[in-house]
C-alpha atoms as a PDB file:
ATOM      1  CA  MET A   1      18.658 -17.064   1.374  1.00  0.00           C
ATOM      2  CA  ILE A   2      16.232 -14.185   0.994  1.00  0.00           C
ATOM      3  CA  ASP A   3      15.992 -12.324   4.300  1.00  0.00           C
ATOM      4  CA  HIS A   4      12.712 -10.404   4.648  1.00  0.00           C
ATOM      5  CA  SER A   5      14.067  -8.566   7.712  1.00  0.00           C
ATOM      6  CA  GLU A   6      16.941  -6.959   5.826  1.00  0.00           C
ATOM      7  CA  SER A   7      16.711  -3.386   4.592  1.00  0.00           C
ATOM      8  CA  SER A   8      17.975  -4.407   1.150  1.00  0.00           C
ATOM      9  CA  PRO A   9      15.080  -4.719  -1.353  1.00  0.00           C
ATOM     10  CA  LEU A  10      13.928  -8.285  -1.930  1.00  0.00           C
ATOM     11  CA  TYR A  11      14.448  -8.088  -5.691  1.00  0.00           C
ATOM     12  CA  ARG A  12      18.041  -6.970  -5.082  1.00  0.00           C
ATOM     13  CA  GLN A  13      18.662  -9.904  -2.756  1.00  0.00           C
ATOM     14  CA  LEU A  14      17.290 -12.309  -5.353  1.00  0.00           C
ATOM     15  CA  GLN A  15      19.392 -10.646  -8.018  1.00  0.00           C
ATOM     16  CA  GLU A  16      22.548 -11.110  -5.914  1.00  0.00           C
ATOM     17  CA  LYS A  17      21.628 -14.730  -5.227  1.00  0.00           C
ATOM     18  CA  ILE A  18      21.360 -15.461  -8.938  1.00  0.00           C
ATOM     19  CA  LEU A  19      24.611 -13.582  -9.607  1.00  0.00           C
ATOM     20  CA  ASP A  20      26.411 -15.641  -6.947  1.00  0.00           C
ATOM     21  CA  SER A  21      25.221 -18.817  -8.691  1.00  0.00           C
ATOM     22  CA  ILE A  22      26.547 -17.506 -12.011  1.00  0.00           C
ATOM     23  CA  HIS A  23      29.928 -16.486 -10.596  1.00  0.00           C
ATOM     24  CA  ASN A  24      30.510 -19.724  -8.661  1.00  0.00           C
ATOM     25  CA  GLY A  25      29.588 -21.841 -11.681  1.00  0.00           C
ATOM     26  CA  THR A  26      26.364 -23.310 -10.311  1.00  0.00           C
ATOM     27  CA  LEU A  27      24.607 -21.615 -13.229  1.00  0.00           C
ATOM     28  CA  LYS A  28      26.510 -21.894 -16.495  1.00  0.00           C
ATOM     29  CA  PRO A  29      26.174 -20.082 -19.850  1.00  0.00           C
ATOM     30  CA  GLY A  30      23.124 -21.426 -21.667  1.00  0.00           C
ATOM     31  CA  ASP A  31      21.431 -22.814 -18.541  1.00  0.00           C
ATOM     32  CA  LYS A  32      17.701 -22.179 -18.311  1.00  0.00           C
ATOM     33  CA  LEU A  33      16.370 -20.555 -15.143  1.00  0.00           C
ATOM     34  CA  PRO A  34      13.255 -21.823 -13.355  1.00  0.00           C
ATOM     35  CA  THR A  35      10.011 -20.052 -14.239  1.00  0.00           C
ATOM     36  CA  GLU A  36       8.931 -16.885 -12.444  1.00  0.00           C
ATOM     37  CA  LEU A  37       6.401 -18.927 -10.481  1.00  0.00           C
ATOM     38  CA  GLU A  38       9.012 -21.500  -9.459  1.00  0.00           C
ATOM     39  CA  LEU A  39      11.463 -18.790  -8.388  1.00  0.00           C
ATOM     40  CA  SER A  40       8.690 -17.028  -6.479  1.00  0.00           C
ATOM     41  CA  GLU A  41       7.751 -20.159  -4.529  1.00  0.00           C
ATOM     42  CA  ALA A  42      11.343 -21.265  -3.925  1.00  0.00           C
ATOM     43  CA  ASN A  43      12.357 -17.883  -2.508  1.00  0.00           C
ATOM     44  CA  ASN A  44       9.080 -16.916  -0.793  1.00  0.00           C
ATOM     45  CA  VAL A  45       8.739 -13.679  -2.740  1.00  0.00           C
ATOM     46  CA  SER A  46       6.144 -12.309  -5.133  1.00  0.00           C
ATOM     47  CA  ARG A  47       6.331 -12.755  -8.890  1.00  0.00           C
ATOM     48  CA  VAL A  48       6.609  -8.959  -9.155  1.00  0.00           C
ATOM     49  CA  THR A  49       9.822  -9.205  -7.113  1.00  0.00           C
ATOM     50  CA  VAL A  50      11.103 -12.043  -9.311  1.00  0.00           C
ATOM     51  CA  ARG A  51      10.307 -10.121 -12.486  1.00  0.00           C
ATOM     52  CA  ALA A  52      12.132  -7.028 -11.193  1.00  0.00           C
ATOM     53  CA  ALA A  53      15.256  -9.108 -10.430  1.00  0.00           C
ATOM     54  CA  LEU A  54      15.202 -10.815 -13.824  1.00  0.00           C
ATOM     55  CA  ASP A  55      14.575  -7.554 -15.682  1.00  0.00           C
ATOM     56  CA  SER A  56      17.571  -5.969 -13.948  1.00  0.00           C
ATOM     57  CA  LEU A  57      19.870  -8.913 -14.729  1.00  0.00           C
ATOM     58  CA  THR A  58      18.658  -8.938 -18.329  1.00  0.00           C
ATOM     59  CA  SER A  59      19.399  -5.242 -18.801  1.00  0.00           C
ATOM     60  CA  GLU A  60      22.890  -5.829 -17.377  1.00  0.00           C
ATOM     61  CA  GLY A  61      23.520  -8.609 -19.885  1.00  0.00           C
ATOM     62  CA  TYR A  62      23.579 -11.604 -17.522  1.00  0.00           C
ATOM     63  CA  LEU A  63      20.320 -13.091 -18.803  1.00  0.00           C
ATOM     64  CA  VAL A  64      18.478 -13.373 -22.095  1.00  0.00           C
ATOM     65  CA  ARG A  65      14.703 -13.848 -22.171  1.00  0.00           C
ATOM     66  CA  ILE A  66      13.383 -15.683 -25.245  1.00  0.00           C
ATOM     67  CA  PRO A  67       9.608 -15.476 -25.778  1.00  0.00           C
ATOM     68  CA  GLY A  68       7.977 -18.877 -25.569  1.00  0.00           C
ATOM     69  CA  LYS A  69      11.161 -20.559 -24.361  1.00  0.00           C
ATOM     70  CA  GLY A  70      12.193 -19.014 -21.042  1.00  0.00           C
ATOM     71  CA  THR A  71      15.053 -17.160 -19.382  1.00  0.00           C
ATOM     72  CA  PHE A  72      18.633 -18.272 -19.933  1.00  0.00           C
ATOM     73  CA  ILE A  73      22.095 -17.430 -18.647  1.00  0.00           C
ATOM     74  CA  THR A  74      23.804 -15.418 -21.385  1.00  0.00           C
ATOM     75  CA  LYS A  75      26.268 -17.400 -23.458  1.00  0.00           C
ATOM     76  CA  ASP A  76      29.709 -16.060 -24.299  1.00  0.00           C
ATOM     77  CA  LYS A  77      29.212 -13.537 -27.060  1.00  0.00           C
ATOM     78  CA  ILE A  78      30.986 -13.672 -30.385  1.00  0.00           C
ATOM     79  CA  LYS A  79      32.994 -10.470 -30.830  1.00  0.00           C
ATOM     80  CA  LYS A  80      32.602  -9.245 -34.412  1.00  0.00           C
ATOM     81  CA  ASN A  81      34.656  -6.360 -35.775  1.00  0.00           C
ATOM     82  CA  VAL A  82      32.323  -4.558 -38.175  1.00  0.00           C
ATOM     83  CA  VAL A  83      35.035  -2.225 -39.460  1.00  0.00           C
ATOM     84  CA  GLU A  84      37.428  -4.815 -40.896  1.00  0.00           C
ATOM     85  CA  THR A  85      36.464  -7.103 -43.796  1.00  0.00           C
ATOM     86  CA  ILE A  86      36.657 -10.418 -41.964  1.00  0.00           C
ATOM     87  CA  GLY A  87      34.417 -13.389 -42.524  1.00  0.00           C
ATOM     88  CA  PHE A  88      32.214 -15.148 -40.014  1.00  0.00           C
ATOM     89  CA  SER A  89      34.424 -18.263 -40.011  1.00  0.00           C
ATOM     90  CA  ASP A  90      37.569 -16.317 -39.120  1.00  0.00           C
ATOM     91  CA  THR A  91      35.657 -14.396 -36.437  1.00  0.00           C
ATOM     92  CA  CYS A  92      34.662 -17.705 -34.819  1.00  0.00           C
ATOM     93  CA  LYS A  93      38.140 -19.212 -35.065  1.00  0.00           C
ATOM     94  CA  LEU A  94      39.702 -16.166 -33.404  1.00  0.00           C
ATOM     95  CA  GLN A  95      37.445 -16.875 -30.420  1.00  0.00           C
ATOM     96  CA  ASN A  96      38.036 -20.641 -30.322  1.00  0.00           C
ATOM     97  CA  LYS A  97      34.595 -21.457 -31.667  1.00  0.00           C
ATOM     98  CA  VAL A  98      33.848 -23.932 -34.448  1.00  0.00           C
ATOM     99  CA  PRO A  99      32.196 -22.183 -37.428  1.00  0.00           C
ATOM    100  CA  GLY A 100      29.560 -23.901 -39.535  1.00  0.00           C
ATOM    101  CA  ALA A 101      27.310 -23.158 -42.487  1.00  0.00           C
ATOM    102  CA  LYS A 102      24.266 -24.694 -44.121  1.00  0.00           C
ATOM    103  CA  VAL A 103      23.220 -23.577 -47.605  1.00  0.00           C
ATOM    104  CA  ILE A 104      19.573 -22.556 -47.923  1.00  0.00           C
ATOM    105  CA  LYS A 105      19.792 -21.273 -51.482  1.00  0.00           C
ATOM    106  CA  CYS A 106      22.477 -20.916 -54.160  1.00  0.00           C
ATOM    107  CA  VAL A 107      20.962 -19.717 -57.448  1.00  0.00           C
ATOM    108  CA  ILE A 108      21.284 -17.221 -60.284  1.00  0.00           C
ATOM    109  CA  GLU A 109      18.621 -14.494 -60.310  1.00  0.00           C
ATOM    110  CA  ASP A 110      17.721 -11.239 -62.028  1.00  0.00           C
ATOM    111  CA  ALA A 111      19.462  -8.256 -60.461  1.00  0.00           C
ATOM    112  CA  THR A 112      17.127  -6.156 -58.343  1.00  0.00           C
ATOM    113  CA  ALA A 113      17.115  -2.357 -58.279  1.00  0.00           C
ATOM    114  CA  SER A 114      19.228  -2.522 -55.095  1.00  0.00           C
ATOM    115  CA  ASP A 115      21.699  -4.874 -56.806  1.00  0.00           C
ATOM    116  CA  GLN A 116      22.003  -2.423 -59.692  1.00  0.00           C
ATOM    117  CA  GLU A 117      22.580   0.486 -57.309  1.00  0.00           C
ATOM    118  CA  HIS A 118      25.084  -1.170 -54.947  1.00  0.00           C
ATOM    119  CA  LEU A 119      26.929  -3.455 -57.385  1.00  0.00           C
ATOM    120  CA  GLY A 120      26.973  -1.105 -60.359  1.00  0.00           C
ATOM    121  CA  LEU A 121      24.866  -3.422 -62.530  1.00  0.00           C
ATOM    122  CA  MET A 122      22.509  -2.707 -65.402  1.00  0.00           C
ATOM    123  CA  PRO A 123      18.847  -3.691 -65.924  1.00  0.00           C
ATOM    124  CA  GLY A 124      18.742  -7.261 -67.192  1.00  0.00           C
ATOM    125  CA  ASP A 125      21.984  -8.269 -65.453  1.00  0.00           C
ATOM    126  CA  LYS A 126      22.087 -11.394 -63.305  1.00  0.00           C
ATOM    127  CA  VAL A 127      23.374 -11.992 -59.776  1.00  0.00           C
ATOM    128  CA  ILE A 128      24.438 -15.040 -57.819  1.00  0.00           C
ATOM    129  CA  ASN A 129      22.290 -15.261 -54.669  1.00  0.00           C
ATOM    130  CA  ILE A 130      23.694 -17.341 -51.793  1.00  0.00           C
ATOM    131  CA  GLU A 131      21.761 -17.737 -48.537  1.00  0.00           C
ATOM    132  CA  ARG A 132      23.190 -19.669 -45.583  1.00  0.00           C
ATOM    133  CA  ILE A 133      22.539 -20.358 -41.906  1.00  0.00           C
ATOM    134  CA  ARG A 134      25.731 -19.736 -39.903  1.00  0.00           C
ATOM    135  CA  TYR A 135      26.596 -21.733 -36.788  1.00  0.00           C
ATOM    136  CA  ALA A 136      29.008 -21.281 -33.878  1.00  0.00           C
ATOM    137  CA  ASP A 137      29.736 -24.513 -31.976  1.00  0.00           C
ATOM    138  CA  ASN A 138      26.750 -26.115 -33.777  1.00  0.00           C
ATOM    139  CA  VAL A 139      24.343 -23.398 -32.572  1.00  0.00           C
ATOM    140  CA  PRO A 140      22.565 -21.311 -35.270  1.00  0.00           C
ATOM    141  CA  VAL A 141      23.405 -17.646 -34.667  1.00  0.00           C
ATOM    142  CA  SER A 142      22.960 -15.881 -38.004  1.00  0.00           C
ATOM    143  CA  VAL A 143      21.333 -16.007 -41.429  1.00  0.00           C
ATOM    144  CA  GLU A 144      23.597 -14.677 -44.173  1.00  0.00           C
ATOM    145  CA  TYR A 145      22.543 -13.383 -47.601  1.00  0.00           C
ATOM    146  CA  SER A 146      25.260 -12.718 -50.214  1.00  0.00           C
ATOM    147  CA  ARG A 147      24.683 -11.390 -53.747  1.00  0.00           C
ATOM    148  CA  PHE A 148      27.474 -11.382 -56.359  1.00  0.00           C
ATOM    149  CA  PRO A 149      27.688 -10.181 -59.978  1.00  0.00           C
ATOM    150  CA  SER A 150      27.247 -12.959 -62.552  1.00  0.00           C
ATOM    151  CA  SER A 151      31.041 -13.080 -63.087  1.00  0.00           C
ATOM    152  CA  PHE A 152      31.083 -15.041 -59.810  1.00  0.00           C
ATOM    153  CA  SER A 153      28.970 -17.839 -61.285  1.00  0.00           C
ATOM    154  CA  PHE A 154      31.791 -20.272 -60.418  1.00  0.00           C
ATOM    155  CA  LEU A 155      30.389 -20.189 -56.875  1.00  0.00           C
ATOM    156  CA  LEU A 156      27.405 -22.194 -58.107  1.00  0.00           C
ATOM    157  CA  GLN A 157      29.758 -25.163 -58.511  1.00  0.00           C
ATOM    158  CA  GLU A 158      31.211 -24.935 -54.995  1.00  0.00           C
ATOM    159  CA  ASP A 159      30.061 -26.854 -51.925  1.00  0.00           C
ATOM    160  CA  LEU A 160      29.421 -23.962 -49.528  1.00  0.00           C
ATOM    161  CA  ASN A 161      28.309 -26.063 -46.548  1.00  0.00           C
ATOM    162  CA  ASN A 162      30.545 -25.784 -43.477  1.00  0.00           C
ATOM    163  CA  ILE A 163      33.170 -23.769 -45.304  1.00  0.00           C
ATOM    164  CA  SER A 164      34.312 -20.154 -45.419  1.00  0.00           C
ATOM    165  CA  LEU A 165      33.073 -18.356 -48.522  1.00  0.00           C
ATOM    166  CA  TYR A 166      35.871 -15.802 -48.120  1.00  0.00           C
ATOM    167  CA  ASP A 167      38.476 -18.582 -47.963  1.00  0.00           C
ATOM    168  CA  ILE A 168      37.225 -19.942 -51.305  1.00  0.00           C
ATOM    169  CA  LEU A 169      37.366 -16.484 -52.872  1.00  0.00           C
ATOM    170  CA  LYS A 170      40.802 -15.617 -51.436  1.00  0.00           C
ATOM    171  CA  ASN A 171      42.658 -18.911 -51.596  1.00  0.00           C
ATOM    172  CA  LYS A 172      41.115 -20.668 -54.582  1.00  0.00           C
ATOM    173  CA  HIS A 173      40.207 -17.741 -56.814  1.00  0.00           C
ATOM    174  CA  LYS A 174      42.829 -15.192 -55.632  1.00  0.00           C
ATOM    175  CA  ILE A 175      40.288 -12.466 -54.942  1.00  0.00           C
ATOM    176  CA  THR A 176      41.383  -9.796 -52.477  1.00  0.00           C
ATOM    177  CA  PHE A 177      39.195  -7.540 -50.381  1.00  0.00           C
ATOM    178  CA  GLY A 178      39.448  -3.833 -49.770  1.00  0.00           C
ATOM    179  CA  ILE A 179      36.993  -1.442 -48.193  1.00  0.00           C
ATOM    180  CA  SER A 180      33.577  -2.410 -46.902  1.00  0.00           C
ATOM    181  CA  ARG A 181      30.823   0.050 -46.021  1.00  0.00           C
ATOM    182  CA  LYS A 182      28.412  -1.275 -43.398  1.00  0.00           C
ATOM    183  CA  TYR A 183      25.024  -0.225 -42.037  1.00  0.00           C
ATOM    184  CA  ILE A 184      23.572  -1.621 -38.815  1.00  0.00           C
ATOM    185  CA  VAL A 185      19.825  -1.589 -38.217  1.00  0.00           C
ATOM    186  CA  MET A 186      17.207  -3.580 -36.310  1.00  0.00           C
ATOM    187  CA  GLU A 187      15.064  -6.152 -38.091  1.00  0.00           C
ATOM    188  CA  PHE A 188      12.444  -8.582 -36.819  1.00  0.00           C
ATOM    189  CA  ALA A 189      12.590 -12.285 -37.628  1.00  0.00           C
ATOM    190  CA  SER A 190      10.301 -13.500 -40.389  1.00  0.00           C
ATOM    191  CA  PHE A 191       8.730 -16.935 -40.092  1.00  0.00           C
ATOM    192  CA  ASP A 192      11.521 -18.478 -42.200  1.00  0.00           C
ATOM    193  CA  VAL A 193      14.350 -16.786 -40.298  1.00  0.00           C
ATOM    194  CA  ALA A 194      12.758 -17.669 -36.955  1.00  0.00           C
ATOM    195  CA  THR A 195      12.630 -21.312 -38.059  1.00  0.00           C
ATOM    196  CA  TYR A 196      16.282 -21.275 -39.153  1.00  0.00           C
ATOM    197  CA  LEU A 197      17.478 -19.744 -35.858  1.00  0.00           C
ATOM    198  CA  ASN A 198      15.060 -21.620 -33.583  1.00  0.00           C
ATOM    199  CA  ILE A 199      13.479 -18.435 -32.219  1.00  0.00           C
ATOM    200  CA  GLU A 200      10.012 -16.868 -32.151  1.00  0.00           C
ATOM    201  CA  GLU A 201       8.711 -15.049 -35.221  1.00  0.00           C
ATOM    202  CA  GLY A 202       9.141 -11.313 -34.678  1.00  0.00           C
ATOM    203  CA  TYR A 203      12.210 -11.749 -32.459  1.00  0.00           C
ATOM    204  CA  PRO A 204      14.483  -8.645 -32.751  1.00  0.00           C
ATOM    205  CA  LEU A 205      17.703  -9.226 -34.693  1.00  0.00           C
ATOM    206  CA  LEU A 206      20.739  -7.152 -35.567  1.00  0.00           C
ATOM    207  CA  CYS A 207      20.909  -6.573 -39.296  1.00  0.00           C
ATOM    208  CA  ILE A 208      24.302  -5.723 -40.856  1.00  0.00           C
ATOM    209  CA  LYS A 209      24.186  -4.629 -44.490  1.00  0.00           C
ATOM    210  CA  SER A 210      27.424  -4.158 -46.409  1.00  0.00           C
ATOM    211  CA  THR A 211      28.935  -3.764 -49.854  1.00  0.00           C
ATOM    212  CA  VAL A 212      32.452  -5.174 -50.258  1.00  0.00           C
ATOM    213  CA  CYS A 213      34.968  -3.969 -52.856  1.00  0.00           C
ATOM    214  CA  ASN A 214      38.433  -5.097 -53.935  1.00  0.00           C
ATOM    215  CA  PRO A 215      41.433  -2.781 -53.350  1.00  0.00           C
ATOM    216  CA  ASP A 216      40.769  -1.127 -56.735  1.00  0.00           C
ATOM    217  CA  GLY A 217      37.223  -0.231 -55.745  1.00  0.00           C
ATOM    218  CA  GLN A 218      35.522  -2.848 -57.923  1.00  0.00           C
ATOM    219  CA  LYS A 219      32.324  -4.166 -56.289  1.00  0.00           C
ATOM    220  CA  ILE A 220      32.620  -7.823 -55.190  1.00  0.00           C
ATOM    221  CA  HIS A 221      29.338  -8.456 -53.416  1.00  0.00           C
ATOM    222  CA  ARG A 222      26.623  -7.040 -51.219  1.00  0.00           C
ATOM    223  CA  SER A 223      25.523  -8.870 -48.113  1.00  0.00           C
ATOM    224  CA  LYS A 224      22.993  -8.862 -45.336  1.00  0.00           C
ATOM    225  CA  GLN A 225      23.452 -10.663 -42.024  1.00  0.00           C
ATOM    226  CA  LEU A 226      20.626 -11.218 -39.559  1.00  0.00           C
ATOM    227  CA  ILE A 227      22.274 -11.856 -36.209  1.00  0.00           C
ATOM    228  CA  LEU A 228      21.049 -12.961 -32.790  1.00  0.00           C
ATOM    229  CA  GLY A 229      22.089  -9.902 -30.792  1.00  0.00           C
ATOM    230  CA  ASP A 230      22.454 -11.822 -27.535  1.00  0.00           C
ATOM    231  CA  ARG A 231      25.187 -13.976 -29.161  1.00  0.00           C
ATOM    232  CA  PHE A 232      27.292 -11.156 -30.653  1.00  0.00           C
ATOM    233  CA  GLU A 233      29.277  -8.195 -29.379  1.00  0.00           C
ATOM    234  CA  LEU A 234      29.950  -5.755 -32.231  1.00  0.00           C
ATOM    235  CA  ILE A 235      33.271  -3.877 -32.280  1.00  0.00           C
ATOM    236  CA  VAL A 236      33.334  -0.563 -34.132  1.00  0.00           C
END
């Protein structure tokens, strides 16, 4: 209960009350909290007090606030090592989550200037462009863009739904991976990406860009991953 006679600030008392509910299992990962108005009325405090408590819990990582949807208890984050060359599917499996994938696009295209720069291609060369939504326990958490030189055109014949692209390359085509240089920036969800991930357009996302080589330094592919930051914990 919120005690107005206590010296402890009201927002702090509400914060501790919510934390107790999280720790004792009353509130579980993914649960949606009542609205600010509902919390205000239920606890006999102002909405300013409620907002202060929620802002504090959000900054500490206990809550995630999604515009247009509400405030939720943070789900267990997927720990992704961004130093090692490890695929999304293996990352999920290491954390006892079921990986999934849905192909958005799998086509051959003209190489862009960035493709030429990062993959060592020439003007007029082609690339294989593969775009997929990635899932963890059936929840969309990332949109993945992979671009390969045209020598990887065999990928156009593969069913890339709900399967590890790296497993196909390693196990079926005996391709090995070496170094991978990565860049991490912030990007805001476009209308398409927001639709794929069931979020609001403009929602902030982690963007990991990388170029992957084989052990001999030959370029294999360049990729871009747009990740829901509240679902991932990056390890560097």
